[in-house]
C-alpha atoms as a PDB file:
ATOM      1  CA  MET A   1      79.607 106.735  94.684  1.00  0.00           C
ATOM      2  CA  ILE A   2      76.741 104.597  93.401  1.00  0.00           C
ATOM      3  CA  MET A   3      78.910 101.476  93.572  1.00  0.00           C
ATOM      4  CA  PHE A   4      79.866 102.070  97.194  1.00  0.00           C
ATOM      5  CA  ASP A   5      76.250 102.727  98.135  1.00  0.00           C
ATOM      6  CA  ARG A   6      75.291  99.427  96.523  1.00  0.00           C
ATOM      7  CA  LEU A   7      77.994  97.626  98.474  1.00  0.00           C
ATOM      8  CA  CYS A   8      76.621  99.141 101.671  1.00  0.00           C
ATOM      9  CA  SER A   9      73.068  98.154 100.779  1.00  0.00           C
ATOM     10  CA  LEU A  10      74.221  94.607 100.071  1.00  0.00           C
ATOM     11  CA  SER A  11      76.029  94.438 103.405  1.00  0.00           C
ATOM     12  CA  GLU A  12      72.944  95.738 105.234  1.00  0.00           C
ATOM     13  CA  TRP A  13      70.888  92.959 103.667  1.00  0.00           C
ATOM     14  CA  ALA A  14      73.505  90.276 104.370  1.00  0.00           C
ATOM     15  CA  LEU A  15      73.880  91.288 108.025  1.00  0.00           C
ATOM     16  CA  GLY A  16      70.182  91.911 108.633  1.00  0.00           C
ATOM     17  CA  CYS A  17      70.732  95.613 109.329  1.00  0.00           C
ATOM     18  CA  GLY A  18      68.630  98.648 108.625  1.00  0.00           C
ATOM     19  CA  ASP A  19      71.424 101.203 108.376  1.00  0.00           C
ATOM     20  CA  ARG A  20      75.180 101.623 108.092  1.00  0.00           C
ATOM     21  CA  ALA A  21      75.677 102.137 111.818  1.00  0.00           C
ATOM     22  CA  CYS A  22      74.349  98.634 112.424  1.00  0.00           C
ATOM     23  CA  VAL A  23      76.684  97.248 109.737  1.00  0.00           C
ATOM     24  CA  MET A  24      79.668  98.933 111.357  1.00  0.00           C
ATOM     25  CA  ASP A  25      78.836  97.644 114.820  1.00  0.00           C
ATOM     26  CA  ARG A  26      78.265  94.075 113.646  1.00  0.00           C
ATOM     27  CA  LEU A  27      81.407  94.029 111.498  1.00  0.00           C
ATOM     28  CA  LEU A  28      83.504  95.317 114.381  1.00  0.00           C
ATOM     29  CA  GLY A  29      81.954  92.883 116.863  1.00  0.00           C
ATOM     30  CA  GLY A  30      82.530  89.948 114.533  1.00  0.00           C
ATOM     31  CA  SER A  31      86.068  91.134 113.862  1.00  0.00           C
ATOM     32  CA  ILE A  32      86.923  91.130 117.562  1.00  0.00           C
ATOM     33  CA  VAL A  33      85.776  87.524 117.866  1.00  0.00           C
ATOM     34  CA  TYR A  34      87.769  86.658 114.744  1.00  0.00           C
ATOM     35  CA  LEU A  35      90.870  88.323 116.183  1.00  0.00           C
ATOM     36  CA  VAL A  36      90.712  86.196 119.351  1.00  0.00           C
ATOM     37  CA  VAL A  37      90.179  82.937 117.430  1.00  0.00           C
ATOM     38  CA  THR A  38      92.888  83.732 114.884  1.00  0.00           C
ATOM     39  CA  PHE A  39      95.411  84.681 117.562  1.00  0.00           C
ATOM     40  CA  ILE A  40      94.882  81.410 119.441  1.00  0.00           C
ATOM     41  CA  TYR A  41      95.260  79.442 116.199  1.00  0.00           C
ATOM     42  CA  SER A  42      98.301  81.450 115.079  1.00  0.00           C
ATOM     43  CA  VAL A  43     100.169  80.830 118.313  1.00  0.00           C
ATOM     44  CA  VAL A  44     100.078  77.088 117.602  1.00  0.00           C
ATOM     45  CA  PHE A  45     100.009  76.955 113.793  1.00  0.00           C
ATOM     46  CA  ALA A  46     101.285  79.220 111.031  1.00  0.00           C
ATOM     47  CA  ALA A  47      98.687  80.098 108.387  1.00  0.00           C
ATOM     48  CA  PRO A  48      99.051  77.565 105.517  1.00  0.00           C
ATOM     49  CA  TYR A  49     100.624  79.632 102.759  1.00  0.00           C
ATOM     50  CA  GLY A  50     104.185  80.164 101.556  1.00  0.00           C
ATOM     51  CA  LYS A  51     106.749  78.028 103.369  1.00  0.00           C
ATOM     52  CA  PHE A  52     104.032  76.733 105.693  1.00  0.00           C
ATOM     53  CA  THR A  53     101.840  75.235 102.961  1.00  0.00           C
ATOM     54  CA  THR A  54     101.175  71.580 103.724  1.00  0.00           C
ATOM     55  CA  THR A  55     100.299  68.606 101.532  1.00  0.00           C
ATOM     56  CA  ASN A  56      96.896  68.434 103.211  1.00  0.00           C
ATOM     57  CA  TYR A  57      95.713  71.141 100.826  1.00  0.00           C
ATOM     58  CA  GLN A  58      95.378  69.534  97.399  1.00  0.00           C
ATOM     59  CA  ILE A  59      93.490  72.298  95.570  1.00  0.00           C
ATOM     60  CA  THR A  60      95.780  75.252  94.925  1.00  0.00           C
ATOM     61  CA  VAL A  61      95.910  78.306  92.678  1.00  0.00           C
ATOM     62  CA  PRO A  62      98.981  79.980  91.099  1.00  0.00           C
ATOM     63  CA  ALA A  63     100.723  82.426  93.432  1.00  0.00           C
ATOM     64  CA  LYS A  64     100.292  85.524  91.231  1.00  0.00           C
ATOM     65  CA  PHE A  65      96.576  84.928  90.691  1.00  0.00           C
ATOM     66  CA  GLY A  66      95.981  83.896  94.296  1.00  0.00           C
ATOM     67  CA  TRP A  67      97.608  86.988  95.810  1.00  0.00           C
ATOM     68  CA  CYS A  68      95.721  89.314  93.457  1.00  0.00           C
ATOM     69  CA  LEU A  69      92.355  87.633  93.995  1.00  0.00           C
ATOM     70  CA  GLN A  70      92.552  87.547  97.775  1.00  0.00           C
ATOM     71  CA  GLU A  71      93.761  91.119  98.263  1.00  0.00           C
ATOM     72  CA  VAL A  72      91.826  93.012  95.581  1.00  0.00           C
ATOM     73  CA  PRO A  73      88.453  93.313  97.417  1.00  0.00           C
ATOM     74  CA  ALA A  74      90.004  95.651 100.000  1.00  0.00           C
ATOM     75  CA  PHE A  75      91.355  97.856  97.214  1.00  0.00           C
ATOM     76  CA  ILE A  76      88.103  97.924  95.234  1.00  0.00           C
ATOM     77  CA  VAL A  77      85.953  98.779  98.257  1.00  0.00           C
ATOM     78  CA  SER A  78      88.305 101.467  99.589  1.00  0.00           C
ATOM     79  CA  ALA A  79      88.800 102.935  96.107  1.00  0.00           C
ATOM     80  CA  THR A  80      85.047 103.329  95.613  1.00  0.00           C
ATOM     81  CA  ALA A  81      84.811 104.958  99.041  1.00  0.00           C
ATOM     82  CA  LEU A  82      87.639 107.318  98.051  1.00  0.00           C
ATOM     83  CA  VAL A  83      85.725 108.330  94.937  1.00  0.00           C
ATOM     84  CA  GLN A  84      82.709 109.173  97.090  1.00  0.00           C
ATOM     85  CA  LEU A  85      84.802 111.219  99.523  1.00  0.00           C
ATOM     86  CA  TRP A  86      86.488 113.195  96.727  1.00  0.00           C
ATOM     87  CA  THR A  87      83.119 113.768  95.048  1.00  0.00           C
ATOM     88  CA  GLU A  88      81.713 115.114  98.303  1.00  0.00           C
ATOM     89  CA  GLU A  89      84.897 117.216  98.806  1.00  0.00           C
ATOM     90  CA  ARG A  90      85.602 115.583 102.165  1.00  0.00           C
ATOM     91  CA  THR A  91      89.339 115.940 101.656  1.00  0.00           C
ATOM     92  CA  ARG A  92      90.444 115.220 105.227  1.00  0.00           C
ATOM     93  CA  LEU A  93      88.642 111.887 105.264  1.00  0.00           C
ATOM     94  CA  ALA A  94      89.853 111.007 101.759  1.00  0.00           C
ATOM     95  CA  LEU A  95      93.459 111.577 102.827  1.00  0.00           C
ATOM     96  CA  ALA A  96      92.849 109.425 105.904  1.00  0.00           C
ATOM     97  CA  LEU A  97      91.631 106.509 103.749  1.00  0.00           C
ATOM     98  CA  LEU A  98      94.278 106.922 101.039  1.00  0.00           C
ATOM     99  CA  PRO A  99      97.088 104.942 102.791  1.00  0.00           C
ATOM    100  CA  PHE A 100      94.820 101.920 103.188  1.00  0.00           C
ATOM    101  CA  ALA A 101      93.915 101.985  99.488  1.00  0.00           C
ATOM    102  CA  ALA A 102      97.571 102.510  98.511  1.00  0.00           C
ATOM    103  CA  HIS A 103      98.697  99.476 100.521  1.00  0.00           C
ATOM    104  CA  TYR A 104      96.110  97.241  98.908  1.00  0.00           C
ATOM    105  CA  CYS A 105      96.862  98.614  95.447  1.00  0.00           C
ATOM    106  CA  ASN A 106     100.412  97.392  95.973  1.00  0.00           C
ATOM    107  CA  ARG A 107      99.319  94.035  97.396  1.00  0.00           C
ATOM    108  CA  SER A 108      96.695  93.456  94.701  1.00  0.00           C
ATOM    109  CA  PHE A 109      98.666  94.377  91.581  1.00  0.00           C
ATOM    110  CA  ILE A 110     102.311  95.377  92.069  1.00  0.00           C
ATOM    111  CA  PHE A 111     103.358  92.643  94.504  1.00  0.00           C
ATOM    112  CA  PRO A 112     101.728  89.730  92.600  1.00  0.00           C
ATOM    113  CA  LEU A 113     103.456  90.812  89.379  1.00  0.00           C
ATOM    114  CA  SER A 114     106.819  90.710  91.178  1.00  0.00           C
ATOM    115  CA  VAL A 115     106.338  87.100  92.309  1.00  0.00           C
ATOM    116  CA  LYS A 116     108.589  84.879  90.192  1.00  0.00           C
ATOM    117  CA  GLN A 117     108.503  81.364  91.595  1.00  0.00           C
ATOM    118  CA  GLY A 118     105.878  81.644  94.293  1.00  0.00           C
ATOM    119  CA  ARG A 119     104.550  78.460  95.834  1.00  0.00           C
ATOM    120  CA  PRO A 120     100.899  77.801  94.787  1.00  0.00           C
ATOM    121  CA  ILE A 121      98.418  78.956  97.419  1.00  0.00           C
ATOM    122  CA  PRO A 122      95.733  76.645  98.844  1.00  0.00           C
ATOM    123  CA  LEU A 123      92.333  77.581  97.453  1.00  0.00           C
ATOM    124  CA  LEU A 124      90.809  77.607 100.934  1.00  0.00           C
ATOM    125  CA  THR A 125      93.396  80.162 102.080  1.00  0.00           C
ATOM    126  CA  VAL A 126      92.576  82.375  99.089  1.00  0.00           C
ATOM    127  CA  VAL A 127      88.816  82.159  99.726  1.00  0.00           C
ATOM    128  CA  LEU A 128      89.189  83.000 103.421  1.00  0.00           C
ATOM    129  CA  ALA A 129      91.547  85.901 102.656  1.00  0.00           C
ATOM    130  CA  PHE A 130      89.116  87.176  99.986  1.00  0.00           C
ATOM    131  CA  LEU A 131      86.289  87.247 102.528  1.00  0.00           C
ATOM    132  CA  PHE A 132      88.541  88.879 105.131  1.00  0.00           C
ATOM    133  CA  CYS A 133      89.664  91.645 102.747  1.00  0.00           C
ATOM    134  CA  SER A 134      86.082  92.251 101.627  1.00  0.00           C
ATOM    135  CA  MET A 135      84.905  92.618 105.222  1.00  0.00           C
ATOM    136  CA  ASN A 136      87.889  94.670 106.352  1.00  0.00           C
ATOM    137  CA  GLY A 137      87.814  97.000 103.342  1.00  0.00           C
ATOM    138  CA  LEU A 138      84.139  97.747 103.938  1.00  0.00           C
ATOM    139  CA  MET A 139      84.550  98.193 107.686  1.00  0.00           C
ATOM    140  CA  GLN A 140      87.554 100.524 107.423  1.00  0.00           C
ATOM    141  CA  SER A 141      85.849 102.609 104.726  1.00  0.00           C
ATOM    142  CA  LEU A 142      82.581 102.912 106.647  1.00  0.00           C
ATOM    143  CA  PHE A 143      84.266 104.027 109.866  1.00  0.00           C
ATOM    144  CA  ILE A 144      86.161 106.757 108.014  1.00  0.00           C
ATOM    145  CA  LEU A 145      83.126 107.903 106.025  1.00  0.00           C
ATOM    146  CA  SER A 146      81.195 108.169 109.292  1.00  0.00           C
ATOM    147  CA  ASN A 147      84.045 110.290 110.736  1.00  0.00           C
ATOM    148  CA  ARG A 148      84.035 108.113 113.847  1.00  0.00           C
ATOM    149  CA  PHE A 149      87.526 109.090 115.024  1.00  0.00           C
ATOM    150  CA  LEU A 150      88.706 108.338 118.554  1.00  0.00           C
ATOM    151  CA  PHE A 151      90.758 111.547 118.531  1.00  0.00           C
ATOM    152  CA  ASP A 152      91.885 114.155 116.017  1.00  0.00           C
ATOM    153  CA  ASN A 153      95.414 115.478 116.400  1.00  0.00           C
ATOM    154  CA  SER A 154      97.487 116.820 113.514  1.00  0.00           C
ATOM    155  CA  ILE A 155     100.831 116.027 115.198  1.00  0.00           C
ATOM    156  CA  THR A 156     100.027 112.347 115.671  1.00  0.00           C
ATOM    157  CA  ALA A 157      98.590 112.259 112.143  1.00  0.00           C
ATOM    158  CA  TYR A 158     101.826 113.592 110.607  1.00  0.00           C
ATOM    159  CA  PHE A 159     103.886 111.202 112.709  1.00  0.00           C
ATOM    160  CA  GLY A 160     101.594 108.361 111.659  1.00  0.00           C
ATOM    161  CA  ALA A 161     102.027 109.252 107.984  1.00  0.00           C
ATOM    162  CA  VAL A 162     105.824 109.081 108.342  1.00  0.00           C
ATOM    163  CA  LEU A 163     105.537 105.779 110.208  1.00  0.00           C
ATOM    164  CA  PHE A 164     103.213 104.358 107.553  1.00  0.00           C
ATOM    165  CA  CYS A 165     105.546 105.350 104.706  1.00  0.00           C
ATOM    166  CA  SER A 166     108.557 103.937 106.570  1.00  0.00           C
ATOM    167  CA  GLY A 167     106.744 100.656 107.188  1.00  0.00           C
ATOM    168  CA  MET A 168     105.622 100.433 103.577  1.00  0.00           C
ATOM    169  CA  PHE A 169     109.219 100.985 102.423  1.00  0.00           C
ATOM    170  CA  ILE A 170     110.475  98.196 104.705  1.00  0.00           C
ATOM    171  CA  ASN A 171     107.661  95.913 103.557  1.00  0.00           C
ATOM    172  CA  ILE A 172     108.265  96.477  99.835  1.00  0.00           C
ATOM    173  CA  GLN A 173     112.063  96.293 100.157  1.00  0.00           C
ATOM    174  CA  SER A 174     111.824  93.021 102.104  1.00  0.00           C
ATOM    175  CA  ASP A 175     109.373  91.515  99.612  1.00  0.00           C
ATOM    176  CA  SER A 176     111.760  92.456  96.797  1.00  0.00           C
ATOM    177  CA  ILE A 177     114.661  90.713  98.553  1.00  0.00           C
ATOM    178  CA  LEU A 178     112.566  87.576  99.040  1.00  0.00           C
ATOM    179  CA  THR A 179     111.290  87.447  95.455  1.00  0.00           C
ATOM    180  CA  ASN A 180     114.829  87.830  94.098  1.00  0.00           C
ATOM    181  CA  LEU A 181     116.410  85.385  96.543  1.00  0.00           C
ATOM    182  CA  ARG A 182     116.615  82.503  94.079  1.00  0.00           C
ATOM    183  CA  LYS A 183     118.023  82.647  90.578  1.00  0.00           C
ATOM    184  CA  PRO A 184     115.963  81.223  87.678  1.00  0.00           C
ATOM    185  CA  GLY A 185     115.850  77.450  87.948  1.00  0.00           C
ATOM    186  CA  GLU A 186     116.981  77.329  91.564  1.00  0.00           C
ATOM    187  CA  THR A 187     114.885  75.572  94.186  1.00  0.00           C
ATOM    188  CA  GLY A 188     115.029  75.243  97.954  1.00  0.00           C
ATOM    189  CA  TYR A 189     115.438  77.860 100.652  1.00  0.00           C
ATOM    190  CA  LYS A 190     118.197  80.397 101.205  1.00  0.00           C
ATOM    191  CA  ILE A 191     118.990  82.711 104.091  1.00  0.00           C
ATOM    192  CA  PRO A 192     117.689  86.199 103.168  1.00  0.00           C
ATOM    193  CA  CYS A 193     120.257  88.969 103.547  1.00  0.00           C
ATOM    194  CA  GLY A 194     120.276  92.714 103.092  1.00  0.00           C
ATOM    195  CA  GLY A 195     117.942  95.467 104.230  1.00  0.00           C
ATOM    196  CA  PHE A 196     116.233  94.780 107.535  1.00  0.00           C
ATOM    197  CA  PHE A 197     116.919  91.071 107.134  1.00  0.00           C
ATOM    198  CA  GLU A 198     120.225  91.913 108.804  1.00  0.00           C
ATOM    199  CA  TYR A 199     118.271  92.479 112.027  1.00  0.00           C
ATOM    200  CA  VAL A 200     115.131  90.332 111.948  1.00  0.00           C
ATOM    201  CA  SER A 201     113.867  87.190 110.234  1.00  0.00           C
ATOM    202  CA  ALA A 202     110.604  88.746 109.043  1.00  0.00           C
ATOM    203  CA  PRO A 203     111.090  92.440 108.191  1.00  0.00           C
ATOM    204  CA  ASN A 204     108.234  92.210 105.685  1.00  0.00           C
ATOM    205  CA  TYR A 205     105.905  91.563 108.626  1.00  0.00           C
ATOM    206  CA  LEU A 206     107.592  94.210 110.744  1.00  0.00           C
ATOM    207  CA  GLY A 207     107.059  96.739 107.951  1.00  0.00           C
ATOM    208  CA  GLU A 208     103.383  95.912 107.643  1.00  0.00           C
ATOM    209  CA  ILE A 209     102.824  96.167 111.393  1.00  0.00           C
ATOM    210  CA  LEU A 210     104.453  99.613 111.333  1.00  0.00           C
ATOM    211  CA  GLU A 211     102.200 100.563 108.423  1.00  0.00           C
ATOM    212  CA  TRP A 212      99.038  99.815 110.347  1.00  0.00           C
ATOM    213  CA  LEU A 213     100.280 101.461 113.529  1.00  0.00           C
ATOM    214  CA  GLY A 214     101.022 104.569 111.473  1.00  0.00           C
ATOM    215  CA  TRP A 215      97.671 104.386 109.743  1.00  0.00           C
ATOM    216  CA  PHE A 216      95.857 104.157 113.071  1.00  0.00           C
ATOM    217  CA  LEU A 217      97.514 107.446 114.053  1.00  0.00           C
ATOM    218  CA  VAL A 218      96.424 108.983 110.741  1.00  0.00           C
ATOM    219  CA  ALA A 219      92.880 107.613 110.941  1.00  0.00           C
ATOM    220  CA  PRO A 220      92.259 106.681 114.606  1.00  0.00           C
ATOM    221  CA  THR A 221      88.958 104.836 114.368  1.00  0.00           C
ATOM    222  CA  PRO A 222      87.916 101.755 116.350  1.00  0.00           C
ATOM    223  CA  ALA A 223      88.257  99.771 113.107  1.00  0.00           C
ATOM    224  CA  SER A 224      91.837 100.894 112.376  1.00  0.00           C
ATOM    225  CA  LEU A 225      92.793 100.178 116.008  1.00  0.00           C
ATOM    226  CA  TRP A 226      91.385  96.675 115.611  1.00  0.00           C
ATOM    227  CA  PHE A 227      93.326  96.213 112.350  1.00  0.00           C
ATOM    228  CA  PHE A 228      96.603  97.249 113.953  1.00  0.00           C
ATOM    229  CA  ILE A 229      96.083  94.841 116.871  1.00  0.00           C
ATOM    230  CA  PHE A 230      95.061  92.056 114.484  1.00  0.00           C
ATOM    231  CA  SER A 231      98.082  92.635 112.217  1.00  0.00           C
ATOM    232  CA  ALA A 232     100.503  92.778 115.144  1.00  0.00           C
ATOM    233  CA  SER A 233      99.168  89.529 116.627  1.00  0.00           C
ATOM    234  CA  PHE A 234      98.790  87.587 113.371  1.00  0.00           C
ATOM    235  CA  LEU A 235     102.001  88.731 111.678  1.00  0.00           C
ATOM    236  CA  GLY A 236     103.934  88.776 114.948  1.00  0.00           C
ATOM    237  CA  THR A 237     103.183  85.120 115.667  1.00  0.00           C
ATOM    238  CA  ARG A 238     103.896  84.217 112.035  1.00  0.00           C
ATOM    239  CA  ALA A 239     107.260  85.972 112.367  1.00  0.00           C
ATOM    240  CA  LEU A 240     108.046  83.749 115.352  1.00  0.00           C
ATOM    241  CA  HIS A 241     107.172  80.663 113.295  1.00  0.00           C
ATOM    242  CA  THR A 242     109.334  81.974 110.442  1.00  0.00           C
ATOM    243  CA  HIS A 243     112.268  82.591 112.767  1.00  0.00           C
ATOM    244  CA  SER A 244     111.953  79.076 114.173  1.00  0.00           C
ATOM    245  CA  PHE A 245     111.776  77.656 110.632  1.00  0.00           C
ATOM    246  CA  TYR A 246     115.003  79.367 109.572  1.00  0.00           C
ATOM    247  CA  LYS A 247     116.860  78.384 112.744  1.00  0.00           C
ATOM    248  CA  THR A 248     115.796  74.748 112.336  1.00  0.00           C
ATOM    249  CA  LYS A 249     116.497  74.698 108.602  1.00  0.00           C
ATOM    250  CA  PHE A 250     119.936  76.287 108.708  1.00  0.00           C
ATOM    251  CA  LYS A 251     121.022  75.560 112.304  1.00  0.00           C
ATOM    252  CA  ASP A 252     124.517  76.982 112.906  1.00  0.00           C
ATOM    253  CA  GLU A 253     124.497  78.865 109.580  1.00  0.00           C
ATOM    254  CA  TYR A 254     121.728  81.205 110.645  1.00  0.00           C
ATOM    255  CA  PRO A 255     122.903  84.548 112.120  1.00  0.00           C
ATOM    256  CA  ALA A 256     122.727  84.296 115.903  1.00  0.00           C
ATOM    257  CA  SER A 257     122.160  88.035 116.329  1.00  0.00           C
ATOM    258  CA  ARG A 258     119.025  88.034 114.167  1.00  0.00           C
ATOM    259  CA  THR A 259     115.728  88.120 116.085  1.00  0.00           C
ATOM    260  CA  ALA A 260     112.230  87.321 114.838  1.00  0.00           C
ATOM    261  CA  ILE A 261     110.369  90.628 114.522  1.00  0.00           C
ATOM    262  CA  ILE A 262     111.749  93.350 116.835  1.00  0.00           C
ATOM    263  CA  PRO A 263     115.481  94.051 116.338  1.00  0.00           C
ATOM    264  CA  GLY A 264     117.490  92.911 119.353  1.00  0.00           C
ATOM    265  CA  VAL A 265     114.379  92.170 121.425  1.00  0.00           C
ATOM    266  CA  LEU A 266     112.070  89.475 120.017  1.00  0.00           C
END
C-alpha cells in the first residue's frame, strides 16, 4: 500500500498534478495522442523487434532480459495496487485488476524464460516499452482504484472473463509454438503450424487482442477501453505486416487459406 502511494506521489510530481484525478486525466489524454501517433506509424512500419529488427539499431540487449525488463513495470505497479485493494477489502475491484496483473506476470517472467533463441532486442525499443508499461500499469490501476467504471454488469463481466481466459490461452499456446519452432542449432524462419496458426498468421496477437477486449468487459473503465483500442490497432497492423512477411518469404509454400488476424476475414 505504501509503495503504491509513493508511486502515485511520484507521478503527481512528474506530471505537475495536485491529486490522482489530475494524474488519471493527463495520462489518459497523453495516451490518446500516443495511440494516434503509434497507429499512423504502425500502418507504415512494423515496430523494430523480432523479425522486424533492422541493422540500424546497433545497441541491443538479450531477448530474455529485454522482454522481462520492458514488461515488468506493469506487473509491479498493478501488483502493488492489488495489495492495496486486498488490504482495504475491496474485493470486486481487486478481481477486476487481477487479469491485468496475471497477463503481465506471464509476460514478465514466464514468457521470457521460455524464449530459447530469441533475436536480441534494440535497447531503444526496450526503453520505450518500459516507459509505456510503467505509464499503462499506473493508469489502469488508478482508474480501477477510483472505481471509475463506464458501466457495471455482471453478465458482461462473466463473458469478459471467459473471453480473457480464451485469449490468454491462444496467446500462450501460440507463443509456445513459436518458441519451439526451431530445433537447437537451427537458424532461419519456418512456417508455424498447429493451434490457431492453422487459421491466421499471428494468433499470438489475436489472443492478446481478445484478452484486452475481455478485460474491458470485466473492468470497463476509460483506460481499459483505450488499452483495447490501442492493442487492436497496434497488434492488428503488426499482424498484417507479419502476414505479408510470411507470404513474401515463403511465396507458394505459405497456406493460401491463412489470413492475417481474423480467421477467414482479414
